[in-house]
Every structure is written in C-alpha cells, then in structure tokens.
C-alpha cells in the first residue's frame, strides 16, 4: 500500500513499480479473455493508463491488485462488447505457459495432445457468454476468490457463483455433445 500512497502523490517511479509487479498477471488475464497478443497488450496498457488516471478513486478497501484486475477486466469486456467479437480463449499464458498436466517429459506426444485439448477447450469456451467466460477465467485460470471476482466484475458473490455454475454446466454440455471421445462419455 505504500507504493500506492506514493503513486497517489505523483511519484511516477512508484507507479512504475506497481506496473512491473502486476503487468504480467493483468496481461495474462486479458490474453485469456481476448486470445490475441497485440489486443491483450493494448488492453493491458489501457488498463494501467486508466488506473494511473484514477488513482485518486482507489479507496484501499481492496488490494491494489484486485482493483487493477477490475479495471483490466472491464477494459476487456468493454472491448469485446464494442466489437461484438467472439474470442479465441487461451488457457495458455504465453510466453509464461502453464504448469499443465500434459507436461510430462517422458510423454513423446504430450505436446500434441496438450495442443489438441487446448483447441477443444478454446472452441468449447467460445460457446459461453462473455460474462460467463470472464468469470470462469478469473476463477479457474487466475485462481481469484469469489469476492475478488465479484469486485472485478462489479457483481455480487451470488452472481459469481451462479455464473460459475452455469458456465461449467454449459461447458460440460458442449464437451459432451461435440467432443464425446475426449470428454469420456
């Protein structure tokens, strides 16, 4: 919170340090939502610019990270809605990459299998409404708590739980219908 206080007083170096600390995570979340590196880069920069301009509105009721997360997700949702785009979901955080279950060094075809499953999940996630995708990404990929997701999306914890339930059910339905051989039914 000391860095935030310094940044609020106009210390650009303090804000630069906040950017260094949180940029990769914010970029990763946005990339997971939009599926394009250039768009994710632009949106992450937009989020930090908005945060800088809005530092005076940060009330310290939440962590700075949760606050910047909300700004980033809102930038992303606004962008997606304004362009009426369907995104290619990425569950992978290039260039950081996940510690996925298919990274076993002795499995020769693990990379191929992982890419196939990645493509299946990307296609299945496209069937979800934007709000459901965002909720699912924030919970399952970014590991945010329900209250953090609620804050980031500007809704109640009950709405978060409902969206998660519905998004998982819809995802399961799509996987069972279109990818039966992978899903195991």
Protein backbone atom coordinates (compact mmCIF):
# COMPACT_ATOMS: atom_id res chain seq x y z
CA UNK A 1 0.00 0.00 0.00
CA UNK A 2 2.99 2.28 0.46
CA UNK A 3 3.67 2.25 -3.29
CA UNK A 4 0.05 3.16 -3.98
CA UNK A 5 0.24 6.04 -1.50
CA UNK A 6 3.43 7.29 -3.14
CA UNK A 7 1.90 6.94 -6.63
CA UNK A 8 -1.16 8.89 -5.50
CA UNK A 9 1.17 11.74 -4.52
CA UNK A 10 2.52 11.81 -8.07
CA UNK A 11 5.56 9.55 -7.68
CA UNK A 12 5.87 8.08 -11.17
CA UNK A 13 8.58 5.65 -10.11
CA UNK A 14 6.22 4.17 -7.50
CA UNK A 15 3.56 3.66 -10.16
CA UNK A 16 6.17 2.16 -12.49
CA UNK A 17 6.98 -0.35 -9.76
CA UNK A 18 3.27 -1.24 -9.48
CA UNK A 19 3.21 -1.82 -13.23
CA UNK A 20 6.31 -4.03 -13.01
CA UNK A 21 4.73 -6.08 -10.23
CA UNK A 22 1.34 -6.65 -11.82
CA UNK A 23 1.69 -6.26 -15.56
CA UNK A 24 2.30 -9.91 -16.46
CA UNK A 25 -0.68 -11.15 -14.45
CA UNK A 26 -3.02 -8.50 -15.86
CA UNK A 27 -1.75 -9.14 -19.38
CA UNK A 28 -2.22 -12.88 -18.88
CA UNK A 29 -5.81 -12.46 -17.77
CA UNK A 30 -6.63 -10.17 -20.65
CA UNK A 31 -4.91 -12.52 -23.09
CA UNK A 32 -7.02 -15.36 -21.72
CA UNK A 33 -10.12 -13.33 -22.46
CA UNK A 34 -9.28 -11.92 -25.91
CA UNK A 35 -6.94 -14.57 -27.33
CA UNK A 36 -4.76 -12.12 -29.24
CA UNK A 37 -1.38 -10.90 -28.04
CA UNK A 38 -1.50 -7.49 -29.70
CA UNK A 39 -5.01 -6.77 -28.45
CA UNK A 40 -4.06 -8.03 -24.99
CA UNK A 41 -1.01 -5.74 -24.97
CA UNK A 42 -3.13 -2.74 -25.98
CA UNK A 43 -5.81 -3.53 -23.41
CA UNK A 44 -3.29 -4.09 -20.61
CA UNK A 45 -1.68 -0.73 -21.36
CA UNK A 46 -5.13 0.87 -21.43
CA UNK A 47 -5.93 -0.68 -18.04
CA UNK A 48 -2.78 0.70 -16.44
CA UNK A 49 -3.33 4.10 -18.02
CA UNK A 50 -6.88 4.18 -16.61
CA UNK A 51 -5.55 3.07 -13.24
CA UNK A 52 -2.97 5.84 -13.24
CA UNK A 53 -5.59 8.43 -14.09
CA UNK A 54 -7.95 7.03 -11.43
CA UNK A 55 -5.53 6.56 -8.53
CA UNK A 56 -7.48 9.09 -6.52
CA UNK A 57 -10.54 6.82 -6.65
CA UNK A 58 -8.69 3.83 -5.17
CA UNK A 59 -10.08 3.57 -1.64
CA UNK A 60 -7.83 0.83 -0.27
CA UNK A 61 -10.92 -1.26 0.53
CA UNK A 62 -9.37 -4.00 -1.57
CA UNK A 63 -5.86 -4.86 -2.62
CA UNK A 64 -4.38 -2.81 -5.46
CA UNK A 65 -4.10 -5.99 -7.48
CA UNK A 66 -7.85 -6.64 -7.22
CA UNK A 67 -8.57 -3.05 -8.18
CA UNK A 68 -6.32 -3.12 -11.26
CA UNK A 69 -7.80 -6.52 -12.13
CA UNK A 70 -11.24 -4.97 -12.19
CA UNK A 71 -10.05 -2.18 -14.44
CA UNK A 72 -8.37 -4.67 -16.78
CA UNK A 73 -11.38 -6.97 -16.96
CA UNK A 74 -13.71 -4.04 -17.55
CA UNK A 75 -11.48 -2.74 -20.37
CA UNK A 76 -11.54 -6.20 -21.86
CA UNK A 77 -15.31 -6.66 -21.53
CA UNK A 78 -15.95 -3.22 -23.00
CA UNK A 79 -13.64 -4.01 -25.91
CA UNK A 80 -15.29 -7.38 -26.54
CA UNK A 81 -18.80 -5.93 -26.41
CA UNK A 82 -17.97 -2.91 -28.55
CA UNK A 83 -16.53 -5.06 -31.28
CA UNK A 84 -19.08 -7.83 -30.81
CA UNK A 85 -16.22 -10.28 -31.12
CA UNK A 86 -16.07 -13.90 -30.24
CA UNK A 87 -12.70 -14.56 -28.78
CA UNK A 88 -10.31 -17.40 -29.11
CA UNK A 89 -9.94 -18.39 -25.47
CA UNK A 90 -6.46 -19.15 -24.43
CA UNK A 91 -5.89 -21.21 -21.36
CA UNK A 92 -2.21 -20.83 -22.01
CA UNK A 93 -0.22 -17.87 -20.76
CA UNK A 94 2.35 -17.44 -23.48
CA UNK A 95 5.16 -16.63 -23.02
CA UNK A 96 4.86 -17.81 -19.40
CA UNK A 97 2.93 -21.02 -20.07
CA UNK A 98 1.02 -23.12 -17.56
CA UNK A 99 2.25 -25.94 -15.43
CA UNK A 100 -0.26 -28.14 -17.18
CA UNK A 101 -0.93 -31.79 -16.62
CA UNK A 102 0.41 -32.70 -20.05
CA UNK A 103 3.96 -31.54 -19.49
CA UNK A 104 5.36 -34.93 -18.52
CA UNK A 105 8.87 -35.07 -20.00
CA UNK A 106 8.65 -38.76 -20.94
CA UNK A 107 5.42 -38.48 -22.91
CA UNK A 108 6.53 -38.05 -26.54
CA UNK A 109 3.15 -36.94 -27.79
CA UNK A 110 2.24 -34.89 -24.73
CA UNK A 111 2.70 -31.61 -26.57
CA UNK A 112 0.44 -32.70 -29.42
CA UNK A 113 -2.20 -33.98 -27.01
CA UNK A 114 -1.99 -30.79 -25.00
CA UNK A 115 -2.45 -28.64 -28.11
CA UNK A 116 -5.45 -30.73 -29.19
CA UNK A 117 -7.05 -30.36 -25.79
CA UNK A 118 -6.22 -26.65 -25.82
CA UNK A 119 -8.03 -26.24 -29.14
CA UNK A 120 -11.03 -28.20 -27.86
CA UNK A 121 -11.28 -26.04 -24.74
CA UNK A 122 -10.90 -22.86 -26.78
CA UNK A 123 -13.75 -23.86 -29.07
CA UNK A 124 -15.95 -25.03 -26.20
CA UNK A 125 -15.35 -21.80 -24.25
CA UNK A 126 -16.46 -19.75 -27.27
CA UNK A 127 -19.97 -21.08 -26.66
CA UNK A 128 -20.12 -19.22 -23.34
CA UNK A 129 -21.43 -15.67 -22.99
CA UNK A 130 -18.72 -13.09 -22.29
CA UNK A 131 -19.67 -12.71 -18.61
CA UNK A 132 -19.52 -16.48 -18.08
CA UNK A 133 -16.15 -16.76 -19.81
CA UNK A 134 -14.72 -13.92 -17.76
CA UNK A 135 -15.98 -15.46 -14.52
CA UNK A 136 -14.60 -18.87 -15.42
CA UNK A 137 -11.20 -17.49 -16.43
CA UNK A 138 -10.89 -15.42 -13.27
CA UNK A 139 -11.75 -18.40 -11.05
CA UNK A 140 -10.25 -21.41 -12.79
CA UNK A 141 -7.24 -19.91 -14.51
CA UNK A 142 -6.36 -16.94 -12.34
CA UNK A 143 -7.49 -18.52 -9.08
CA UNK A 144 -9.29 -15.49 -7.69
CA UNK A 145 -11.60 -15.87 -4.70
CA UNK A 146 -15.34 -15.34 -5.18
CA UNK A 147 -15.29 -11.92 -3.53
CA UNK A 148 -12.37 -10.81 -5.71
CA UNK A 149 -14.20 -11.93 -8.85
CA UNK A 150 -17.35 -10.14 -7.69
CA UNK A 151 -15.36 -6.96 -7.20
CA UNK A 152 -13.55 -7.34 -10.54
CA UNK A 153 -16.79 -7.88 -12.45
CA UNK A 154 -18.91 -5.47 -10.45
CA UNK A 155 -21.47 -8.03 -9.32
CA UNK A 156 -22.42 -9.95 -6.19
CA UNK A 157 -20.76 -13.11 -4.90
CA UNK A 158 -24.06 -14.90 -5.54
CA UNK A 159 -23.94 -13.83 -9.18
CA UNK A 160 -20.36 -15.10 -9.44
CA UNK A 161 -21.37 -18.49 -8.06
CA UNK A 162 -24.36 -18.63 -10.38
CA UNK A 163 -22.27 -17.74 -13.42
CA UNK A 164 -19.66 -20.32 -12.49
CA UNK A 165 -22.31 -23.00 -12.08
CA UNK A 166 -23.93 -22.11 -15.40
CA UNK A 167 -20.65 -21.75 -17.28
CA UNK A 168 -19.40 -25.13 -16.06
CA UNK A 169 -22.72 -26.75 -16.96
CA UNK A 170 -22.65 -25.19 -20.44
CA UNK A 171 -19.03 -26.17 -20.93
CA UNK A 172 -19.82 -29.74 -19.87
CA UNK A 173 -22.79 -29.79 -22.25
CA UNK A 174 -20.67 -28.61 -25.19
CA UNK A 175 -17.88 -31.07 -24.40
CA UNK A 176 -20.31 -33.97 -24.04
CA UNK A 177 -22.06 -33.09 -27.30
CA UNK A 178 -19.19 -32.09 -29.56
CA UNK A 179 -16.17 -33.81 -28.04
CA UNK A 180 -17.54 -37.04 -26.66
CA UNK A 181 -14.35 -39.00 -27.43
CA UNK A 182 -12.29 -36.57 -25.36
CA UNK A 183 -14.78 -35.96 -22.61
CA UNK A 184 -15.17 -39.64 -21.84
CA UNK A 185 -18.91 -40.25 -22.21
